[in-house]
C-alpha atoms as a PDB file:
ATOM      1  CA  MET A   1     -23.738 -18.453 -13.063  1.00  0.00           C
ATOM      2  CA  ALA A   2     -22.020 -20.032 -16.056  1.00  0.00           C
ATOM      3  CA  GLU A   3     -21.357 -16.576 -17.492  1.00  0.00           C
ATOM      4  CA  ILE A   4     -19.786 -15.444 -14.216  1.00  0.00           C
ATOM      5  CA  ASN A   5     -17.585 -18.541 -14.116  1.00  0.00           C
ATOM      6  CA  GLU A   6     -16.441 -17.836 -17.669  1.00  0.00           C
ATOM      7  CA  ILE A   7     -15.493 -14.267 -16.750  1.00  0.00           C
ATOM      8  CA  VAL A   8     -13.598 -15.443 -13.665  1.00  0.00           C
ATOM      9  CA  GLU A   9     -11.703 -18.093 -15.619  1.00  0.00           C
ATOM     10  CA  LYS A  10     -10.874 -15.610 -18.379  1.00  0.00           C
ATOM     11  CA  VAL A  11      -9.515 -13.089 -15.885  1.00  0.00           C
ATOM     12  CA  ILE A  12      -7.425 -15.769 -14.157  1.00  0.00           C
ATOM     13  CA  GLU A  13      -6.154 -17.047 -17.489  1.00  0.00           C
ATOM     14  CA  ASN A  14      -5.018 -13.529 -18.458  1.00  0.00           C
ATOM     15  CA  LEU A  15      -2.981 -12.957 -15.296  1.00  0.00           C
ATOM     16  CA  SER A  16       0.783 -13.090 -15.519  1.00  0.00           C
ATOM     17  CA  PRO A  17       2.104 -16.629 -15.028  1.00  0.00           C
ATOM     18  CA  GLN A  18       3.342 -15.842 -11.515  1.00  0.00           C
ATOM     19  CA  ALA A  19       0.128 -14.055 -10.502  1.00  0.00           C
ATOM     20  CA  LYS A  20      -1.936 -16.943 -11.846  1.00  0.00           C
ATOM     21  CA  ILE A  21       0.014 -19.508  -9.821  1.00  0.00           C
ATOM     22  CA  ILE A  22      -0.213 -17.388  -6.681  1.00  0.00           C
ATOM     23  CA  PHE A  23      -3.927 -16.702  -7.103  1.00  0.00           C
ATOM     24  CA  GLU A  24      -4.737 -20.364  -7.688  1.00  0.00           C
ATOM     25  CA  MET A  25      -2.669 -21.429  -4.681  1.00  0.00           C
ATOM     26  CA  SER A  26      -4.482 -18.874  -2.562  1.00  0.00           C
ATOM     27  CA  ARG A  27      -8.044 -19.252  -3.733  1.00  0.00           C
ATOM     28  CA  LYS A  28      -8.261 -22.768  -5.140  1.00  0.00           C
ATOM     29  CA  LYS A  29      -5.901 -24.542  -2.721  1.00  0.00           C
ATOM     30  CA  GLY A  30      -6.658 -22.321   0.275  1.00  0.00           C
ATOM     31  CA  MET A  31      -3.020 -21.637   1.065  1.00  0.00           C
ATOM     32  CA  LYS A  32      -1.968 -18.693   3.250  1.00  0.00           C
ATOM     33  CA  SER A  33       0.255 -15.953   1.841  1.00  0.00           C
ATOM     34  CA  ALA A  34       3.175 -17.026   4.014  1.00  0.00           C
ATOM     35  CA  GLU A  35       2.920 -20.624   2.771  1.00  0.00           C
ATOM     36  CA  ILE A  36       2.830 -19.479  -0.853  1.00  0.00           C
ATOM     37  CA  ALA A  37       5.763 -17.119  -0.318  1.00  0.00           C
ATOM     38  CA  LYS A  38       7.855 -19.861   1.248  1.00  0.00           C
ATOM     39  CA  GLN A  39       7.020 -22.395  -1.470  1.00  0.00           C
ATOM     40  CA  LEU A  40       7.725 -19.970  -4.320  1.00  0.00           C
ATOM     41  CA  ASN A  41      10.671 -18.277  -2.604  1.00  0.00           C
ATOM     42  CA  LEU A  42       9.004 -14.861  -2.687  1.00  0.00           C
ATOM     43  CA  SER A  43       8.288 -12.234  -0.069  1.00  0.00           C
ATOM     44  CA  VAL A  44       4.886 -12.324   1.616  1.00  0.00           C
ATOM     45  CA  ARG A  45       4.344  -8.762   0.381  1.00  0.00           C
ATOM     46  CA  THR A  46       4.861  -9.855  -3.246  1.00  0.00           C
ATOM     47  CA  VAL A  47       2.342 -12.655  -2.823  1.00  0.00           C
ATOM     48  CA  GLU A  48      -0.192 -10.318  -1.209  1.00  0.00           C
ATOM     49  CA  LYS A  49       0.319  -7.767  -4.000  1.00  0.00           C
ATOM     50  CA  HIS A  50      -0.448 -10.357  -6.683  1.00  0.00           C
ATOM     51  CA  ILE A  51      -3.561 -11.559  -4.851  1.00  0.00           C
ATOM     52  CA  TYR A  52      -4.757  -7.983  -4.303  1.00  0.00           C
ATOM     53  CA  GLN A  53      -4.281  -7.071  -7.967  1.00  0.00           C
ATOM     54  CA  ALA A  54      -6.049 -10.222  -9.174  1.00  0.00           C
ATOM     55  CA  LEU A  55      -9.016  -9.581  -6.858  1.00  0.00           C
ATOM     56  CA  LYS A  56      -9.151  -5.944  -7.938  1.00  0.00           C
ATOM     57  CA  LEU A  57      -9.278  -7.001 -11.588  1.00  0.00           C
ATOM     58  CA  LEU A  58     -11.949  -9.629 -10.870  1.00  0.00           C
ATOM     59  CA  LYS A  59     -14.101  -7.118  -9.012  1.00  0.00           C
ATOM     60  CA  LYS A  60     -13.783  -4.664 -11.910  1.00  0.00           C
ATOM     61  CA  GLN A  61     -14.740  -7.291 -14.509  1.00  0.00           C
ATOM     62  CA  LEU A  62     -17.636  -8.559 -12.382  1.00  0.00           C
ATOM     63  CA  ALA A  63     -19.008  -5.169 -11.320  1.00  0.00           C
ATOM     64  CA  ASP A  64     -22.273  -5.658 -13.208  1.00  0.00           C
ATOM     65  CA  TYR A  65     -22.806  -9.012 -11.498  1.00  0.00           C
ATOM     66  CA  MET A  66     -21.976  -7.946  -7.925  1.00  0.00           C
ATOM     67  CA  PRO A  67     -25.570  -7.899  -6.622  1.00  0.00           C
ATOM     68  CA  LEU A  68     -26.038 -11.492  -7.797  1.00  0.00           C
ATOM     69  CA  ILE A  69     -22.617 -12.600  -6.564  1.00  0.00           C
ATOM     70  CA  ILE A  70     -23.231 -11.183  -3.109  1.00  0.00           C
ATOM     71  CA  LEU A  71     -26.402 -13.247  -2.850  1.00  0.00           C
ATOM     72  CA  VAL A  72     -25.037 -16.479  -4.300  1.00  0.00           C
ATOM     73  CA  VAL A  73     -21.290 -16.762  -3.718  1.00  0.00           C
ATOM     74  CA  PRO A  74     -19.876 -17.371  -0.224  1.00  0.00           C
ATOM     75  CA  GLU A  75     -18.316 -14.258   1.240  1.00  0.00           C
ATOM     76  CA  TYR A  76     -14.852 -15.778   1.589  1.00  0.00           C
ATOM     77  CA  CYS A  77     -14.330 -15.865  -2.186  1.00  0.00           C
ATOM     78  CA  PHE A  78     -13.715 -12.132  -2.403  1.00  0.00           C
ATOM     79  CA  GLN A  79     -11.837 -11.365   0.787  1.00  0.00           C
END
C-alpha cells in the first residue's frame, strides 16, 4: 500500500496548482463541487472538469494496481 500512496501523492503533486487545490478540497476535505466552485469563484463545470481529469490520471497511473485497490480501498475514493 505504501507504493500506491506514493503514486497517488506524486500524481496529486504534479497537477496544476488549481487542479491540486480543487482535488484536495474534493477528496481530502469532502467538499461538494458547488461548494468548491463558490469558494474559489469558479463555475461548477470547471471544478468537475479538474476532478474528472485528476481521477482519470490517477486511474491511468494506478492501472496495474486496480485489482488490489478494488479489494482494499473504499469505493468512494474513485467515484
